[in-house]
Amino acid sequence: MSRSGPTLGLCRRASAVVGVASLLLTACHQPQPSPPRPPDSSIAFMSSPPPPTTPPGPIPNVAVTLRSPPAGCPGPSAEPQRPTRLYGKLYGRQPVWGGFYAEFDPHVHVFHAADAPRTDTGWRIKVLWIVHRDQSDPVVLSAHRGDGEPVWFEIAVIGPPPATSAGLDPAHPENVAERGGWKEFPSYVYFPSAGCYTLEASWRGGRWRIGFGFGR
């Protein structure tokens, strides 16, 4: 046997061991994939639903266009009156009255709101509510179309968002008229469409109701 045989075999085995070690070292030095990053806290925050922008209650169903008001609407007719010389024509009865910023046709008992803007809550007009100086209990306002669709109220400056009823608290008026002590509550009133409406004011021990048409 040649003296080189065992030596050659040992060398081959050594080379194999060195090769495996080299492969292991190479594998150890290969860049490893980075572990997945934890979710960004801002993404989790943004996934939370934003605060609702619509007022509480049923979502208003606002007509795309404001049509002409219907005539012959039922209910006690809205009759313009002058309970005090401090204001113009008002609608309602003692102790609370509303001054509508809309043209009233007394022959067919309808309000024409030619310049009412359309909003997400309804076709908006201004109404100034006044409460008699002797009224101490809160007055609650509500209104609806003939099919039950509600009207929305927003008492200006006081702060609450529009709602399907409004409370006028004489103990905390937005403003007190300088003459006569009448308590004023500026407001916006939102109508969903042209139609026949019923408006009601109620307080402890009494209420009144009027009917009218509303539209362009």
C-alpha atoms as a PDB file:
ATOM      1  CA  MET A   1       0.000   0.000   0.000  1.00  0.00           C
ATOM      2  CA  SER A   2       1.225   3.468  -0.832  1.00  0.00           C
ATOM      3  CA  ARG A   3       2.188   5.671   2.094  1.00  0.00           C
ATOM      4  CA  SER A   4       0.177   8.473   0.512  1.00  0.00           C
ATOM      5  CA  GLY A   5      -3.165   6.643   0.727  1.00  0.00           C
ATOM      6  CA  PRO A   6      -4.064   7.201   4.404  1.00  0.00           C
ATOM      7  CA  THR A   7      -2.633  10.668   4.306  1.00  0.00           C
ATOM      8  CA  LEU A   8      -4.739  11.584   1.289  1.00  0.00           C
ATOM      9  CA  GLY A   9      -7.862  10.209   2.984  1.00  0.00           C
ATOM     10  CA  LEU A  10      -7.216  12.217   6.088  1.00  0.00           C
ATOM     11  CA  CYS A  11      -6.691  15.329   4.056  1.00  0.00           C
ATOM     12  CA  ARG A  12      -9.938  14.771   2.217  1.00  0.00           C
ATOM     13  CA  ARG A  13     -11.846  14.299   5.472  1.00  0.00           C
ATOM     14  CA  ALA A  14     -10.232  17.395   6.911  1.00  0.00           C
ATOM     15  CA  SER A  15     -11.168  19.373   3.833  1.00  0.00           C
ATOM     16  CA  ALA A  16     -14.743  18.190   4.166  1.00  0.00           C
ATOM     17  CA  VAL A  17     -14.854  19.247   7.811  1.00  0.00           C
ATOM     18  CA  VAL A  18     -13.366  22.629   6.898  1.00  0.00           C
ATOM     19  CA  GLY A  19     -15.936  23.012   4.132  1.00  0.00           C
ATOM     20  CA  VAL A  20     -18.842  22.296   6.470  1.00  0.00           C
ATOM     21  CA  ALA A  21     -17.441  24.712   9.029  1.00  0.00           C
ATOM     22  CA  SER A  22     -17.052  27.321   6.327  1.00  0.00           C
ATOM     23  CA  LEU A  23     -20.658  26.850   5.273  1.00  0.00           C
ATOM     24  CA  LEU A  24     -21.785  27.162   8.879  1.00  0.00           C
ATOM     25  CA  LEU A  25     -19.782  30.347   9.355  1.00  0.00           C
ATOM     26  CA  THR A  26     -21.157  31.757   6.121  1.00  0.00           C
ATOM     27  CA  ALA A  27     -24.702  30.940   7.208  1.00  0.00           C
ATOM     28  CA  CYS A  28     -24.120  32.550  10.576  1.00  0.00           C
ATOM     29  CA  HIS A  29     -22.939  35.736   8.902  1.00  0.00           C
ATOM     30  CA  GLN A  30     -25.854  35.939   6.447  1.00  0.00           C
ATOM     31  CA  PRO A  31     -28.172  38.892   7.247  1.00  0.00           C
ATOM     32  CA  GLN A  32     -31.205  37.613   9.100  1.00  0.00           C
ATOM     33  CA  PRO A  33     -34.712  38.977   8.303  1.00  0.00           C
ATOM     34  CA  SER A  34     -35.822  41.646  10.746  1.00  0.00           C
ATOM     35  CA  PRO A  35     -38.628  40.668  13.119  1.00  0.00           C
ATOM     36  CA  PRO A  36     -41.992  42.172  12.252  1.00  0.00           C
ATOM     37  CA  ARG A  37     -42.472  45.674  13.679  1.00  0.00           C
ATOM     38  CA  PRO A  38     -45.210  46.121  16.243  1.00  0.00           C
ATOM     39  CA  PRO A  39     -48.206  48.040  14.906  1.00  0.00           C
ATOM     40  CA  ASP A  40     -47.862  51.801  15.014  1.00  0.00           C
ATOM     41  CA  SER A  41     -49.903  53.226  17.873  1.00  0.00           C
ATOM     42  CA  SER A  42     -51.120  56.021  15.612  1.00  0.00           C
ATOM     43  CA  ILE A  43     -52.691  53.483  13.255  1.00  0.00           C
ATOM     44  CA  ALA A  44     -54.527  51.856  16.132  1.00  0.00           C
ATOM     45  CA  PHE A  45     -55.719  55.285  17.244  1.00  0.00           C
ATOM     46  CA  MET A  46     -56.868  56.255  13.769  1.00  0.00           C
ATOM     47  CA  SER A  47     -58.759  52.983  13.428  1.00  0.00           C
ATOM     48  CA  SER A  48     -61.097  54.115  16.179  1.00  0.00           C
ATOM     49  CA  PRO A  49     -64.307  55.595  14.769  1.00  0.00           C
ATOM     50  CA  PRO A  50     -64.395  59.397  14.826  1.00  0.00           C
ATOM     51  CA  PRO A  51     -66.935  61.129  17.051  1.00  0.00           C
ATOM     52  CA  PRO A  52     -70.370  61.318  15.408  1.00  0.00           C
ATOM     53  CA  THR A  53     -71.030  64.570  13.595  1.00  0.00           C
ATOM     54  CA  THR A  54     -74.769  64.086  13.321  1.00  0.00           C
ATOM     55  CA  PRO A  55     -77.028  65.078  16.205  1.00  0.00           C
ATOM     56  CA  PRO A  56     -78.617  62.405  18.389  1.00  0.00           C
ATOM     57  CA  GLY A  57     -81.859  60.959  17.163  1.00  0.00           C
ATOM     58  CA  PRO A  58     -83.039  59.826  13.737  1.00  0.00           C
ATOM     59  CA  ILE A  59     -80.856  60.819  10.808  1.00  0.00           C
ATOM     60  CA  PRO A  60     -82.524  63.730   8.997  1.00  0.00           C
ATOM     61  CA  ASN A  61     -83.944  62.899   5.568  1.00  0.00           C
ATOM     62  CA  VAL A  62     -83.496  66.217   3.753  1.00  0.00           C
ATOM     63  CA  ALA A  63     -85.102  66.835   0.360  1.00  0.00           C
ATOM     64  CA  VAL A  64     -82.713  67.740  -2.452  1.00  0.00           C
ATOM     65  CA  THR A  65     -84.833  70.722  -3.466  1.00  0.00           C
ATOM     66  CA  LEU A  66     -87.307  72.833  -1.526  1.00  0.00           C
ATOM     67  CA  ARG A  67     -90.615  72.910  -3.372  1.00  0.00           C
ATOM     68  CA  SER A  68     -93.561  75.275  -3.027  1.00  0.00           C
ATOM     69  CA  PRO A  69     -95.577  74.911   0.182  1.00  0.00           C
ATOM     70  CA  PRO A  70     -98.893  73.065   0.065  1.00  0.00           C
ATOM     71  CA  ALA A  71    -102.088  74.915   0.879  1.00  0.00           C
ATOM     72  CA  GLY A  72    -104.908  73.757   3.131  1.00  0.00           C
ATOM     73  CA  CYS A  73    -102.766  72.157   5.834  1.00  0.00           C
ATOM     74  CA  PRO A  74    -104.676  70.845   8.884  1.00  0.00           C
ATOM     75  CA  GLY A  75    -104.352  71.983  12.464  1.00  0.00           C
ATOM     76  CA  PRO A  76    -105.079  75.222  14.272  1.00  0.00           C
ATOM     77  CA  SER A  77    -104.011  77.890  11.814  1.00  0.00           C
ATOM     78  CA  ALA A  78    -100.973  80.024  12.496  1.00  0.00           C
ATOM     79  CA  GLU A  79    -102.360  83.525  12.999  1.00  0.00           C
ATOM     80  CA  PRO A  80     -99.959  86.492  13.093  1.00  0.00           C
ATOM     81  CA  GLN A  81    -100.381  88.542  16.265  1.00  0.00           C
ATOM     82  CA  ARG A  82     -98.743  91.423  18.124  1.00  0.00           C
ATOM     83  CA  PRO A  83     -98.613  90.440  21.826  1.00  0.00           C
ATOM     84  CA  THR A  84     -96.340  93.416  22.435  1.00  0.00           C
ATOM     85  CA  ARG A  85     -95.341  96.524  20.524  1.00  0.00           C
ATOM     86  CA  LEU A  86     -91.685  95.628  21.028  1.00  0.00           C
ATOM     87  CA  TYR A  87     -91.752  93.061  18.202  1.00  0.00           C
ATOM     88  CA  GLY A  88     -93.330  92.553  14.823  1.00  0.00           C
ATOM     89  CA  LYS A  89     -95.805  89.825  13.907  1.00  0.00           C
ATOM     90  CA  LEU A  90     -95.411  86.676  15.993  1.00  0.00           C
ATOM     91  CA  TYR A  91     -96.987  83.224  15.994  1.00  0.00           C
ATOM     92  CA  GLY A  92     -98.204  81.147  18.912  1.00  0.00           C
ATOM     93  CA  ARG A  93     -99.983  82.040  22.117  1.00  0.00           C
ATOM     94  CA  GLN A  94     -99.175  83.163  25.615  1.00  0.00           C
ATOM     95  CA  PRO A  95     -96.649  82.664  27.169  1.00  0.00           C
ATOM     96  CA  VAL A  96     -94.331  81.816  24.227  1.00  0.00           C
ATOM     97  CA  TRP A  97     -94.223  83.267  20.718  1.00  0.00           C
ATOM     98  CA  GLY A  98     -92.110  82.726  17.630  1.00  0.00           C
ATOM     99  CA  GLY A  99     -90.939  85.313  15.130  1.00  0.00           C
ATOM    100  CA  PHE A 100     -90.270  83.443  11.854  1.00  0.00           C
ATOM    101  CA  TYR A 101     -87.788  84.891   9.366  1.00  0.00           C
ATOM    102  CA  ALA A 102     -89.972  83.790   6.458  1.00  0.00           C
ATOM    103  CA  GLU A 103     -92.801  85.367   4.507  1.00  0.00           C
ATOM    104  CA  PHE A 104     -96.231  84.291   5.753  1.00  0.00           C
ATOM    105  CA  ASP A 105     -99.284  84.113   3.515  1.00  0.00           C
ATOM    106  CA  PRO A 106    -102.303  84.408   5.849  1.00  0.00           C
ATOM    107  CA  HIS A 107    -104.781  83.458   3.113  1.00  0.00           C
ATOM    108  CA  VAL A 108    -103.461  79.879   2.821  1.00  0.00           C
ATOM    109  CA  HIS A 109    -101.469  79.765   6.108  1.00  0.00           C
ATOM    110  CA  VAL A 110     -98.070  78.951   4.613  1.00  0.00           C
ATOM    111  CA  PHE A 111     -94.519  80.172   5.165  1.00  0.00           C
ATOM    112  CA  HIS A 112     -92.406  80.950   2.117  1.00  0.00           C
ATOM    113  CA  ALA A 113     -88.677  80.560   2.809  1.00  0.00           C
ATOM    114  CA  ALA A 114     -87.221  81.785  -0.464  1.00  0.00           C
ATOM    115  CA  ASP A 115     -83.671  82.143   0.865  1.00  0.00           C
ATOM    116  CA  ALA A 116     -83.536  79.110   3.194  1.00  0.00           C
ATOM    117  CA  PRO A 117     -80.182  77.312   2.761  1.00  0.00           C
ATOM    118  CA  ARG A 118     -80.035  73.521   2.568  1.00  0.00           C
ATOM    119  CA  THR A 119     -77.959  71.830   5.309  1.00  0.00           C
ATOM    120  CA  ASP A 120     -77.395  68.234   6.389  1.00  0.00           C
ATOM    121  CA  THR A 121     -80.017  68.786   9.082  1.00  0.00           C
ATOM    122  CA  GLY A 122     -82.671  70.432   6.918  1.00  0.00           C
ATOM    123  CA  TRP A 123     -83.774  73.642   5.198  1.00  0.00           C
ATOM    124  CA  ARG A 124     -82.816  76.280   7.738  1.00  0.00           C
ATOM    125  CA  ILE A 125     -84.636  79.427   8.814  1.00  0.00           C
ATOM    126  CA  LYS A 126     -84.177  81.736  11.783  1.00  0.00           C
ATOM    127  CA  VAL A 127     -86.831  81.935  14.478  1.00  0.00           C
ATOM    128  CA  LEU A 128     -86.737  84.269  17.468  1.00  0.00           C
ATOM    129  CA  TRP A 129     -88.632  82.794  20.414  1.00  0.00           C
ATOM    130  CA  ILE A 130     -89.782  85.115  23.164  1.00  0.00           C
ATOM    131  CA  VAL A 131     -91.099  84.035  26.554  1.00  0.00           C
ATOM    132  CA  HIS A 132     -93.312  86.200  28.746  1.00  0.00           C
ATOM    133  CA  ARG A 133     -91.647  87.700  31.803  1.00  0.00           C
ATOM    134  CA  ASP A 134     -94.135  85.942  34.141  1.00  0.00           C
ATOM    135  CA  GLN A 135     -93.321  82.459  32.807  1.00  0.00           C
ATOM    136  CA  SER A 136     -90.956  80.631  35.171  1.00  0.00           C
ATOM    137  CA  ASP A 137     -91.225  77.009  33.980  1.00  0.00           C
ATOM    138  CA  PRO A 138     -89.290  75.746  30.942  1.00  0.00           C
ATOM    139  CA  VAL A 139     -91.092  75.567  27.600  1.00  0.00           C
ATOM    140  CA  VAL A 140     -90.490  72.608  25.264  1.00  0.00           C
ATOM    141  CA  LEU A 141     -90.815  73.017  21.485  1.00  0.00           C
ATOM    142  CA  SER A 142     -91.381  70.219  18.980  1.00  0.00           C
ATOM    143  CA  ALA A 143     -92.669  69.980  15.406  1.00  0.00           C
ATOM    144  CA  HIS A 144     -93.188  67.382  12.706  1.00  0.00           C
ATOM    145  CA  ARG A 145     -94.329  66.985   9.137  1.00  0.00           C
ATOM    146  CA  GLY A 146     -97.693  65.385   8.413  1.00  0.00           C
ATOM    147  CA  ASP A 147     -96.094  61.932   8.007  1.00  0.00           C
ATOM    148  CA  GLY A 148     -94.236  62.216  11.321  1.00  0.00           C
ATOM    149  CA  GLU A 149     -90.831  63.335  10.006  1.00  0.00           C
ATOM    150  CA  PRO A 150     -89.398  65.589  12.737  1.00  0.00           C
ATOM    151  CA  VAL A 151     -88.257  69.179  12.558  1.00  0.00           C
ATOM    152  CA  TRP A 152     -84.898  69.985  14.162  1.00  0.00           C
ATOM    153  CA  PHE A 153     -84.190  72.889  16.523  1.00  0.00           C
ATOM    154  CA  GLU A 154     -80.951  74.630  17.422  1.00  0.00           C
ATOM    155  CA  ILE A 155     -80.984  77.320  20.092  1.00  0.00           C
ATOM    156  CA  ALA A 156     -78.298  79.756  18.943  1.00  0.00           C
ATOM    157  CA  VAL A 157     -75.202  80.443  21.060  1.00  0.00           C
ATOM    158  CA  ILE A 158     -76.348  78.251  23.966  1.00  0.00           C
ATOM    159  CA  GLY A 159     -74.382  75.354  22.531  1.00  0.00           C
ATOM    160  CA  PRO A 160     -76.372  72.086  22.231  1.00  0.00           C
ATOM    161  CA  PRO A 161     -76.370  70.579  18.726  1.00  0.00           C
ATOM    162  CA  PRO A 162     -79.610  70.413  16.728  1.00  0.00           C
ATOM    163  CA  ALA A 163     -82.233  68.084  18.187  1.00  0.00           C
ATOM    164  CA  THR A 164     -85.835  67.145  17.542  1.00  0.00           C
ATOM    165  CA  SER A 165     -87.018  69.252  20.486  1.00  0.00           C
ATOM    166  CA  ALA A 166     -85.822  72.396  22.199  1.00  0.00           C
ATOM    167  CA  GLY A 167     -86.115  73.631  25.751  1.00  0.00           C
ATOM    168  CA  LEU A 168     -86.527  77.312  26.527  1.00  0.00           C
ATOM    169  CA  ASP A 169     -85.641  77.845  30.171  1.00  0.00           C
ATOM    170  CA  PRO A 170     -86.683  81.316  31.380  1.00  0.00           C
ATOM    171  CA  ALA A 171     -84.295  80.933  34.318  1.00  0.00           C
ATOM    172  CA  HIS A 172     -81.363  80.819  31.873  1.00  0.00           C
ATOM    173  CA  PRO A 173     -82.334  82.931  28.854  1.00  0.00           C
ATOM    174  CA  GLU A 174     -79.867  83.646  26.100  1.00  0.00           C
ATOM    175  CA  ASN A 175     -80.877  87.271  26.234  1.00  0.00           C
ATOM    176  CA  VAL A 176     -83.386  89.415  28.105  1.00  0.00           C
ATOM    177  CA  ALA A 177     -85.059  92.185  26.163  1.00  0.00           C
ATOM    178  CA  GLU A 178     -84.257  95.567  27.628  1.00  0.00           C
ATOM    179  CA  ARG A 179     -87.810  96.750  27.202  1.00  0.00           C
ATOM    180  CA  GLY A 180     -90.596  94.892  28.936  1.00  0.00           C
ATOM    181  CA  GLY A 181     -88.512  92.028  30.292  1.00  0.00           C
ATOM    182  CA  TRP A 182     -89.313  89.613  27.454  1.00  0.00           C
ATOM    183  CA  LYS A 183     -86.839  86.723  27.357  1.00  0.00           C
ATOM    184  CA  GLU A 184     -85.381  86.053  23.932  1.00  0.00           C
ATOM    185  CA  PHE A 185     -84.111  82.771  22.493  1.00  0.00           C
ATOM    186  CA  PRO A 186     -82.619  83.149  18.998  1.00  0.00           C
ATOM    187  CA  SER A 187     -82.717  79.855  17.123  1.00  0.00           C
ATOM    188  CA  TYR A 188     -82.400  77.972  13.853  1.00  0.00           C
ATOM    189  CA  VAL A 189     -85.206  75.650  12.799  1.00  0.00           C
ATOM    190  CA  TYR A 190     -84.556  72.948  10.173  1.00  0.00           C
ATOM    191  CA  PHE A 191     -87.347  71.601   7.967  1.00  0.00           C
ATOM    192  CA  PRO A 192     -86.753  68.353   6.028  1.00  0.00           C
ATOM    193  CA  SER A 193     -88.790  69.426   2.984  1.00  0.00           C
ATOM    194  CA  ALA A 194     -91.807  71.361   1.816  1.00  0.00           C
ATOM    195  CA  GLY A 195     -94.980  70.096   3.442  1.00  0.00           C
ATOM    196  CA  CYS A 196     -97.624  70.503   6.116  1.00  0.00           C
ATOM    197  CA  TYR A 197     -96.284  70.895   9.645  1.00  0.00           C
ATOM    198  CA  THR A 198     -97.543  70.992  13.205  1.00  0.00           C
ATOM    199  CA  LEU A 199     -95.651  72.997  15.825  1.00  0.00           C
ATOM    200  CA  GLU A 200     -96.297  72.496  19.527  1.00  0.00           C
ATOM    201  CA  ALA A 201     -95.141  74.367  22.637  1.00  0.00           C
ATOM    202  CA  SER A 202     -95.746  72.756  26.026  1.00  0.00           C
ATOM    203  CA  TRP A 203     -94.998  73.661  29.618  1.00  0.00           C
ATOM    204  CA  ARG A 204     -96.235  72.625  33.022  1.00  0.00           C
ATOM    205  CA  GLY A 205     -99.943  73.257  33.019  1.00  0.00           C
ATOM    206  CA  GLY A 206    -100.436  74.209  29.376  1.00  0.00           C
ATOM    207  CA  ARG A 207     -99.635  73.918  25.699  1.00  0.00           C
ATOM    208  CA  TRP A 208    -100.551  75.278  22.304  1.00  0.00           C
ATOM    209  CA  ARG A 209    -100.386  73.852  18.791  1.00  0.00           C
ATOM    210  CA  ILE A 210    -100.494  75.425  15.334  1.00  0.00           C
ATOM    211  CA  GLY A 211    -100.479  74.025  11.800  1.00  0.00           C
ATOM    212  CA  PHE A 212     -99.014  75.578   8.647  1.00  0.00           C
ATOM    213  CA  GLY A 213     -97.440  74.870   5.298  1.00  0.00           C
ATOM    214  CA  PHE A 214     -93.736  75.399   4.634  1.00  0.00           C
ATOM    215  CA  GLY A 215     -91.750  75.602   1.415  1.00  0.00           C
ATOM    216  CA  ARG A 216     -90.075  77.791  -1.143  1.00  0.00           C
END
